[in-house]
Amino acid sequence: MTDFDMGIGALTEQLVTTTRNGDHDYVADVLARLAANSSRARASALLRELVGTSARMIRARIQEKSGALFTFDVTTEHDEPVEVEVLPPGPRSALRALSASLNRDAGDLEIHSDLATQGTPAEVVAVLMQCLLWTLELQNDRASTVRFSCY
C-alpha cells in the first residue's frame, strides 16, 4: 500500500511518526506529491486532519467552558504583535482553519483548509509542513499555554 492508497487519518499518523523519526525526505516527497496534485483535495483533507488533531490536543489541555470562543494572538519571536492580515495567505488560512476547528465550525474549517492549499506547490508544502509541526509541538509540549512556531 502506498501513502496515496491509505486514508487521510492513516496518512496523517504516518507523516507525524515519520517526521518525529527524522525521515524528512519521505515527508517532503509525500507533501510535494500532494501539492502537485491539481485538485489539491487530499492536501486540503490532510490540512483539516492536522488542524483537527491539533485542536483536540489543545482542548484536552484546558477546562473548556460551554460556549468558549478560541482566538489567537500572533506575535514575532520577540513577542511583538503582528496583524493577522499581514501573514501570507496560506499560513493565515491555516491559522483560521485551526480556529474554526477549535470553535467547532465545520463550514469555516473546510473553507479555510481549501484556501490554505490554493497557493503554488511550494506554498502548499510550506503550509502543510507548518501544520505538521504544530501537531508535533503540541505532542511534545504539555504546557497549558499554547505557543506555535512559524516559519
N, C-alpha and C. Protein backbone atom coordinates (compact mmCIF):
# COMPACT_ATOMS: atom_id res chain seq x y z
N MET A 1 0.85 -1.19 0.00
CA MET A 1 0.00 0.00 0.00
C MET A 1 0.89 1.24 0.00
N THR A 2 0.64 2.15 -0.91
CA THR A 2 1.39 3.40 -0.95
C THR A 2 0.69 4.43 -0.07
N ASP A 3 1.40 5.54 0.19
CA ASP A 3 0.82 6.57 1.04
C ASP A 3 -0.42 7.20 0.40
N PHE A 4 -0.58 7.08 -0.92
CA PHE A 4 -1.77 7.64 -1.56
C PHE A 4 -2.94 6.68 -1.54
N ASP A 5 -2.69 5.43 -1.16
CA ASP A 5 -3.77 4.46 -1.03
C ASP A 5 -4.40 4.49 0.36
N MET A 6 -3.67 4.99 1.35
CA MET A 6 -4.21 5.00 2.71
C MET A 6 -5.15 6.18 2.91
N GLY A 7 -6.03 6.01 3.88
CA GLY A 7 -6.94 7.09 4.23
C GLY A 7 -6.18 8.27 4.81
N ILE A 8 -6.83 9.40 4.88
CA ILE A 8 -6.19 10.63 5.38
C ILE A 8 -5.73 10.47 6.83
N GLY A 9 -6.55 9.82 7.65
CA GLY A 9 -6.16 9.63 9.05
C GLY A 9 -4.88 8.82 9.17
N ALA A 10 -4.78 7.74 8.42
CA ALA A 10 -3.58 6.90 8.43
C ALA A 10 -2.39 7.65 7.85
N LEU A 11 -2.61 8.42 6.79
CA LEU A 11 -1.53 9.20 6.19
C LEU A 11 -1.03 10.25 7.18
N THR A 12 -1.94 10.90 7.87
CA THR A 12 -1.55 11.90 8.87
C THR A 12 -0.70 11.27 9.95
N GLU A 13 -1.15 10.15 10.47
CA GLU A 13 -0.39 9.45 11.51
C GLU A 13 0.98 9.05 10.99
N GLN A 14 1.05 8.55 9.75
CA GLN A 14 2.32 8.15 9.14
C GLN A 14 3.25 9.35 9.02
N LEU A 15 2.73 10.50 8.59
CA LEU A 15 3.56 11.69 8.45
C LEU A 15 4.06 12.20 9.80
N VAL A 16 3.22 12.19 10.80
CA VAL A 16 3.63 12.64 12.14
C VAL A 16 4.73 11.73 12.67
N THR A 17 4.52 10.42 12.58
CA THR A 17 5.50 9.45 13.08
C THR A 17 6.81 9.56 12.31
N THR A 18 6.71 9.66 11.00
CA THR A 18 7.91 9.73 10.15
C THR A 18 8.68 11.02 10.41
N THR A 19 7.98 12.11 10.60
CA THR A 19 8.66 13.38 10.91
C THR A 19 9.37 13.27 12.25
N ARG A 20 8.69 12.71 13.25
CA ARG A 20 9.29 12.56 14.57
C ARG A 20 10.54 11.68 14.49
N ASN A 21 10.52 10.68 13.61
CA ASN A 21 11.66 9.77 13.48
C ASN A 21 12.77 10.32 12.60
N GLY A 22 12.54 11.48 11.99
CA GLY A 22 13.58 12.16 11.23
C GLY A 22 13.70 11.80 9.77
N ASP A 23 12.71 11.10 9.21
CA ASP A 23 12.77 10.76 7.78
C ASP A 23 12.14 11.91 6.97
N HIS A 24 12.85 13.01 6.93
CA HIS A 24 12.33 14.22 6.32
C HIS A 24 12.21 14.11 4.80
N ASP A 25 13.05 13.25 4.19
CA ASP A 25 12.94 13.06 2.73
C ASP A 25 11.60 12.45 2.37
N TYR A 26 11.15 11.46 3.15
CA TYR A 26 9.85 10.83 2.90
C TYR A 26 8.73 11.86 3.03
N VAL A 27 8.77 12.63 4.11
CA VAL A 27 7.73 13.64 4.36
C VAL A 27 7.72 14.67 3.24
N ALA A 28 8.89 15.15 2.86
CA ALA A 28 8.98 16.13 1.78
C ALA A 28 8.43 15.56 0.47
N ASP A 29 8.71 14.29 0.19
CA ASP A 29 8.23 13.66 -1.04
C ASP A 29 6.70 13.57 -1.04
N VAL A 30 6.13 13.11 0.07
CA VAL A 30 4.67 12.97 0.15
C VAL A 30 3.99 14.33 0.02
N LEU A 31 4.50 15.33 0.76
CA LEU A 31 3.88 16.66 0.69
C LEU A 31 4.03 17.27 -0.69
N ALA A 32 5.17 17.06 -1.34
CA ALA A 32 5.36 17.59 -2.69
C ALA A 32 4.38 16.95 -3.67
N ARG A 33 4.13 15.65 -3.53
CA ARG A 33 3.18 14.99 -4.42
C ARG A 33 1.76 15.48 -4.15
N LEU A 34 1.42 15.70 -2.88
CA LEU A 34 0.09 16.26 -2.57
C LEU A 34 -0.07 17.65 -3.16
N ALA A 35 0.96 18.46 -3.05
CA ALA A 35 0.91 19.84 -3.54
C ALA A 35 0.87 19.89 -5.07
N ALA A 36 1.46 18.90 -5.72
CA ALA A 36 1.48 18.88 -7.18
C ALA A 36 0.16 18.41 -7.76
N ASN A 37 -0.66 17.75 -6.96
CA ASN A 37 -1.95 17.26 -7.44
C ASN A 37 -2.82 18.46 -7.80
N SER A 38 -3.32 18.48 -9.02
CA SER A 38 -4.05 19.66 -9.49
C SER A 38 -5.35 19.92 -8.72
N SER A 39 -5.99 18.88 -8.18
CA SER A 39 -7.25 19.13 -7.45
C SER A 39 -6.99 19.58 -6.03
N ARG A 40 -5.87 19.19 -5.45
CA ARG A 40 -5.49 19.54 -4.08
C ARG A 40 -6.48 19.06 -3.03
N ALA A 41 -7.41 18.20 -3.40
CA ALA A 41 -8.41 17.73 -2.44
C ALA A 41 -7.76 16.98 -1.27
N ARG A 42 -6.76 16.14 -1.56
CA ARG A 42 -6.11 15.41 -0.47
C ARG A 42 -5.24 16.34 0.38
N ALA A 43 -4.64 17.35 -0.22
CA ALA A 43 -3.85 18.31 0.55
C ALA A 43 -4.77 19.05 1.53
N SER A 44 -5.94 19.45 1.06
CA SER A 44 -6.90 20.13 1.93
C SER A 44 -7.40 19.20 3.03
N ALA A 45 -7.66 17.94 2.68
CA ALA A 45 -8.12 16.96 3.67
C ALA A 45 -7.02 16.71 4.71
N LEU A 46 -5.76 16.63 4.27
CA LEU A 46 -4.66 16.46 5.21
C LEU A 46 -4.56 17.65 6.15
N LEU A 47 -4.69 18.86 5.61
CA LEU A 47 -4.65 20.05 6.45
C LEU A 47 -5.77 20.01 7.49
N ARG A 48 -6.98 19.63 7.07
CA ARG A 48 -8.11 19.54 8.02
C ARG A 48 -7.81 18.52 9.12
N GLU A 49 -7.23 17.41 8.74
CA GLU A 49 -6.90 16.36 9.72
C GLU A 49 -5.83 16.85 10.69
N LEU A 50 -4.81 17.52 10.18
CA LEU A 50 -3.75 18.04 11.05
C LEU A 50 -4.28 19.09 12.02
N VAL A 51 -5.07 20.03 11.53
CA VAL A 51 -5.58 21.06 12.44
C VAL A 51 -6.62 20.46 13.39
N GLY A 52 -7.35 19.45 12.95
CA GLY A 52 -8.28 18.77 13.84
C GLY A 52 -7.56 18.07 14.98
N THR A 53 -6.44 17.43 14.65
CA THR A 53 -5.62 16.77 15.67
C THR A 53 -5.07 17.81 16.65
N SER A 54 -4.58 18.91 16.11
CA SER A 54 -4.06 19.99 16.98
C SER A 54 -5.17 20.55 17.87
N ALA A 55 -6.34 20.75 17.31
CA ALA A 55 -7.47 21.29 18.09
C ALA A 55 -7.83 20.35 19.24
N ARG A 56 -7.86 19.04 18.97
CA ARG A 56 -8.18 18.08 20.03
C ARG A 56 -7.14 18.13 21.14
N MET A 57 -5.87 18.27 20.79
CA MET A 57 -4.82 18.34 21.81
C MET A 57 -4.92 19.64 22.62
N ILE A 58 -5.27 20.74 21.96
CA ILE A 58 -5.44 22.00 22.69
C ILE A 58 -6.62 21.90 23.65
N ARG A 59 -7.75 21.39 23.16
CA ARG A 59 -8.93 21.26 24.01
C ARG A 59 -8.65 20.36 25.22
N ALA A 60 -7.81 19.34 25.03
CA ALA A 60 -7.51 18.42 26.12
C ALA A 60 -6.70 19.09 27.24
N ARG A 61 -6.08 20.20 26.97
CA ARG A 61 -5.25 20.89 27.96
C ARG A 61 -6.02 21.84 28.86
N ILE A 62 -7.23 22.16 28.48
CA ILE A 62 -7.94 23.21 29.21
C ILE A 62 -9.27 22.70 29.74
N GLN A 63 -9.80 23.43 30.67
CA GLN A 63 -11.16 23.20 31.14
C GLN A 63 -12.07 24.02 30.25
N GLU A 64 -12.58 23.37 29.21
CA GLU A 64 -13.39 24.09 28.24
C GLU A 64 -14.77 24.38 28.81
N LYS A 65 -15.14 25.63 28.75
CA LYS A 65 -16.46 26.04 29.21
C LYS A 65 -17.41 26.06 28.02
N SER A 66 -18.66 25.77 28.30
CA SER A 66 -19.67 25.79 27.25
C SER A 66 -19.71 27.18 26.62
N GLY A 67 -19.68 27.21 25.32
CA GLY A 67 -19.73 28.48 24.62
C GLY A 67 -18.40 29.20 24.54
N ALA A 68 -17.30 28.56 24.96
CA ALA A 68 -15.99 29.19 24.90
C ALA A 68 -15.63 29.48 23.45
N LEU A 69 -14.95 30.60 23.24
CA LEU A 69 -14.51 31.00 21.91
C LEU A 69 -12.98 31.06 21.93
N PHE A 70 -12.35 30.39 21.00
CA PHE A 70 -10.90 30.37 20.91
C PHE A 70 -10.43 31.44 19.95
N THR A 71 -9.38 32.15 20.34
CA THR A 71 -8.75 33.16 19.50
C THR A 71 -7.24 32.99 19.60
N PHE A 72 -6.52 33.70 18.76
CA PHE A 72 -5.06 33.64 18.76
C PHE A 72 -4.49 35.03 18.84
N ASP A 73 -3.35 35.14 19.50
CA ASP A 73 -2.51 36.33 19.44
C ASP A 73 -1.31 35.95 18.60
N VAL A 74 -1.07 36.67 17.54
CA VAL A 74 0.08 36.39 16.67
C VAL A 74 1.15 37.41 17.02
N THR A 75 2.35 36.89 17.32
CA THR A 75 3.47 37.75 17.70
C THR A 75 4.73 37.30 16.98
N THR A 76 5.72 38.19 16.98
CA THR A 76 7.04 37.83 16.46
C THR A 76 7.76 37.00 17.52
N GLU A 77 8.95 36.53 17.19
CA GLU A 77 9.73 35.79 18.18
C GLU A 77 10.12 36.66 19.37
N HIS A 78 9.97 37.98 19.22
CA HIS A 78 10.27 38.91 20.31
C HIS A 78 9.00 39.38 21.01
N ASP A 79 7.91 38.65 20.81
CA ASP A 79 6.61 38.94 21.42
C ASP A 79 6.01 40.28 21.00
N GLU A 80 6.37 40.74 19.81
CA GLU A 80 5.76 41.95 19.27
C GLU A 80 4.51 41.54 18.48
N PRO A 81 3.40 42.24 18.66
CA PRO A 81 2.16 41.85 17.97
C PRO A 81 2.29 41.94 16.45
N VAL A 82 1.60 41.04 15.78
CA VAL A 82 1.55 41.00 14.32
C VAL A 82 0.09 40.96 13.92
N GLU A 83 -0.28 41.79 12.99
CA GLU A 83 -1.64 41.75 12.46
C GLU A 83 -1.79 40.49 11.61
N VAL A 84 -2.84 39.74 11.84
CA VAL A 84 -3.07 38.50 11.12
C VAL A 84 -3.13 38.75 9.62
N GLU A 85 -3.66 39.87 9.22
CA GLU A 85 -3.83 40.17 7.79
C GLU A 85 -2.51 40.31 7.05
N VAL A 86 -1.38 40.52 7.75
CA VAL A 86 -0.10 40.64 7.06
C VAL A 86 0.58 39.28 6.87
N LEU A 87 0.03 38.23 7.47
CA LEU A 87 0.57 36.89 7.25
C LEU A 87 0.34 36.48 5.80
N PRO A 88 1.23 35.64 5.27
CA PRO A 88 0.98 35.12 3.92
C PRO A 88 -0.36 34.37 3.88
N PRO A 89 -1.01 34.32 2.72
CA PRO A 89 -2.36 33.72 2.64
C PRO A 89 -2.45 32.29 3.16
N GLY A 90 -1.49 31.44 2.83
CA GLY A 90 -1.56 30.05 3.28
C GLY A 90 -1.53 29.89 4.79
N PRO A 91 -0.51 30.43 5.46
CA PRO A 91 -0.47 30.33 6.92
C PRO A 91 -1.65 31.04 7.60
N ARG A 92 -2.08 32.16 7.04
CA ARG A 92 -3.24 32.86 7.60
C ARG A 92 -4.47 31.98 7.53
N SER A 93 -4.68 31.32 6.40
CA SER A 93 -5.84 30.44 6.26
C SER A 93 -5.70 29.20 7.14
N ALA A 94 -4.48 28.69 7.29
CA ALA A 94 -4.27 27.53 8.17
C ALA A 94 -4.60 27.89 9.61
N LEU A 95 -4.17 29.06 10.05
CA LEU A 95 -4.48 29.52 11.40
C LEU A 95 -5.99 29.69 11.58
N ARG A 96 -6.64 30.22 10.57
CA ARG A 96 -8.10 30.37 10.64
C ARG A 96 -8.79 29.00 10.61
N ALA A 97 -8.21 28.03 9.90
CA ALA A 97 -8.77 26.67 9.90
C ALA A 97 -8.64 26.06 11.30
N LEU A 98 -7.51 26.30 11.95
CA LEU A 98 -7.34 25.80 13.32
C LEU A 98 -8.34 26.45 14.26
N SER A 99 -8.53 27.74 14.11
CA SER A 99 -9.52 28.45 14.93
C SER A 99 -10.92 27.88 14.69
N ALA A 100 -11.25 27.63 13.43
CA ALA A 100 -12.57 27.06 13.10
C ALA A 100 -12.73 25.67 13.71
N SER A 101 -11.67 24.88 13.67
CA SER A 101 -11.73 23.55 14.26
C SER A 101 -11.92 23.64 15.77
N LEU A 102 -11.18 24.52 16.41
CA LEU A 102 -11.32 24.71 17.87
C LEU A 102 -12.72 25.17 18.23
N ASN A 103 -13.29 26.00 17.40
CA ASN A 103 -14.62 26.54 17.66
C ASN A 103 -15.74 25.71 17.05
N ARG A 104 -15.36 24.53 16.56
CA ARG A 104 -16.32 23.55 16.02
C ARG A 104 -17.19 24.14 14.90
N ASP A 105 -16.53 24.86 14.01
CA ASP A 105 -17.23 25.45 12.86
C ASP A 105 -16.77 24.71 11.60
N ALA A 106 -17.48 23.64 11.26
CA ALA A 106 -17.09 22.77 10.14
C ALA A 106 -17.06 23.52 8.81
N GLY A 107 -17.99 24.44 8.61
CA GLY A 107 -18.03 25.19 7.35
C GLY A 107 -16.79 26.04 7.16
N ASP A 108 -16.43 26.80 8.18
CA ASP A 108 -15.23 27.64 8.09
C ASP A 108 -13.97 26.78 8.01
N LEU A 109 -13.96 25.66 8.70
CA LEU A 109 -12.81 24.75 8.63
C LEU A 109 -12.57 24.32 7.19
N GLU A 110 -13.62 23.92 6.51
CA GLU A 110 -13.48 23.47 5.13
C GLU A 110 -13.04 24.61 4.22
N ILE A 111 -13.65 25.77 4.37
CA ILE A 111 -13.30 26.93 3.52
C ILE A 111 -11.84 27.30 3.70
N HIS A 112 -11.39 27.44 4.96
CA HIS A 112 -10.02 27.89 5.20
C HIS A 112 -8.99 26.81 4.87
N SER A 113 -9.36 25.55 5.00
CA SER A 113 -8.45 24.46 4.59
C SER A 113 -8.25 24.49 3.08
N ASP A 114 -9.33 24.72 2.36
CA ASP A 114 -9.22 24.84 0.90
C ASP A 114 -8.39 26.06 0.51
N LEU A 115 -8.62 27.18 1.17
CA LEU A 115 -7.86 28.40 0.86
C LEU A 115 -6.37 28.22 1.18
N ALA A 116 -6.07 27.53 2.27
CA ALA A 116 -4.68 27.33 2.67
C ALA A 116 -3.90 26.50 1.67
N THR A 117 -4.59 25.69 0.89
CA THR A 117 -3.92 24.79 -0.05
C THR A 117 -4.09 25.24 -1.50
N GLN A 118 -4.31 26.52 -1.74
CA GLN A 118 -4.51 27.04 -3.09
C GLN A 118 -3.30 27.74 -3.68
N GLY A 119 -2.21 27.84 -2.94
CA GLY A 119 -1.03 28.56 -3.46
C GLY A 119 -0.23 27.72 -4.44
N THR A 120 0.99 28.16 -4.67
CA THR A 120 1.91 27.40 -5.51
C THR A 120 2.25 26.10 -4.79
N PRO A 121 2.77 25.11 -5.52
CA PRO A 121 3.16 23.87 -4.83
C PRO A 121 4.11 24.12 -3.64
N ALA A 122 5.07 25.01 -3.79
CA ALA A 122 6.00 25.31 -2.68
C ALA A 122 5.25 25.91 -1.49
N GLU A 123 4.28 26.78 -1.75
CA GLU A 123 3.50 27.37 -0.66
C GLU A 123 2.64 26.33 0.03
N VAL A 124 2.08 25.40 -0.73
CA VAL A 124 1.25 24.35 -0.15
C VAL A 124 2.10 23.43 0.72
N VAL A 125 3.28 23.05 0.22
CA VAL A 125 4.19 22.22 1.04
C VAL A 125 4.52 22.95 2.33
N ALA A 126 4.82 24.24 2.24
CA ALA A 126 5.19 25.01 3.44
C ALA A 126 4.05 25.06 4.45
N VAL A 127 2.83 25.27 4.00
CA VAL A 127 1.71 25.37 4.94
C VAL A 127 1.38 24.00 5.54
N LEU A 128 1.48 22.94 4.75
CA LEU A 128 1.25 21.60 5.31
C LEU A 128 2.34 21.24 6.32
N MET A 129 3.58 21.61 6.01
CA MET A 129 4.67 21.35 6.96
C MET A 129 4.45 22.15 8.24
N GLN A 130 3.97 23.37 8.12
CA GLN A 130 3.70 24.18 9.31
C GLN A 130 2.65 23.51 10.19
N CYS A 131 1.58 23.02 9.59
CA CYS A 131 0.53 22.34 10.36
C CYS A 131 1.04 21.04 10.98
N LEU A 132 1.90 20.35 10.27
CA LEU A 132 2.52 19.14 10.80
C LEU A 132 3.39 19.47 12.00
N LEU A 133 4.14 20.55 11.90
CA LEU A 133 4.99 20.97 13.02
C LEU A 133 4.16 21.40 14.22
N TRP A 134 3.02 22.08 13.98
CA TRP A 134 2.15 22.44 15.10
C TRP A 134 1.70 21.18 15.85
N THR A 135 1.34 20.15 15.12
CA THR A 135 0.91 18.90 15.74
C THR A 135 2.03 18.31 16.58
N LEU A 136 3.24 18.29 16.04
CA LEU A 136 4.38 17.75 16.79
C LEU A 136 4.69 18.60 18.02
N GLU A 137 4.62 19.92 17.88
CA GLU A 137 4.88 20.80 19.03
C GLU A 137 3.87 20.54 20.15
N LEU A 138 2.62 20.34 19.79
CA LEU A 138 1.60 20.08 20.81
C LEU A 138 1.82 18.74 21.48
N GLN A 139 2.31 17.76 20.76
CA GLN A 139 2.58 16.46 21.36
C GLN A 139 3.77 16.52 22.29
N ASN A 140 4.74 17.38 21.98
CA ASN A 140 5.98 17.45 22.75
C ASN A 140 5.89 18.39 23.94
N ASP A 141 5.00 19.36 23.92
CA ASP A 141 4.90 20.38 24.96
C ASP A 141 3.54 20.28 25.62
N ARG A 142 3.52 20.03 26.89
CA ARG A 142 2.26 19.84 27.62
C ARG A 142 1.83 21.08 28.41
N ALA A 143 2.45 22.23 28.15
CA ALA A 143 2.09 23.45 28.87
C ALA A 143 0.65 23.84 28.57
N SER A 144 0.01 24.51 29.53
CA SER A 144 -1.38 24.91 29.32
C SER A 144 -1.49 26.08 28.34
N THR A 145 -0.46 26.90 28.24
CA THR A 145 -0.44 27.97 27.25
C THR A 145 0.18 27.43 25.98
N VAL A 146 -0.50 27.61 24.89
CA VAL A 146 -0.06 27.07 23.61
C VAL A 146 0.67 28.15 22.83
N ARG A 147 1.88 27.82 22.41
CA ARG A 147 2.66 28.71 21.55
C ARG A 147 3.14 27.90 20.37
N PHE A 148 2.82 28.36 19.16
CA PHE A 148 3.26 27.70 17.94
C PHE A 148 4.41 28.46 17.33
N SER A 149 5.30 27.74 16.70
CA SER A 149 6.33 28.40 15.91
C SER A 149 5.77 28.68 14.53
N CYS A 150 6.41 29.55 13.83
CA CYS A 150 6.03 29.87 12.46
C CYS A 150 7.30 30.00 11.66
N TYR A 151 7.22 29.66 10.41
CA TYR A 151 8.43 29.73 9.58
C TYR A 151 8.69 31.14 9.14
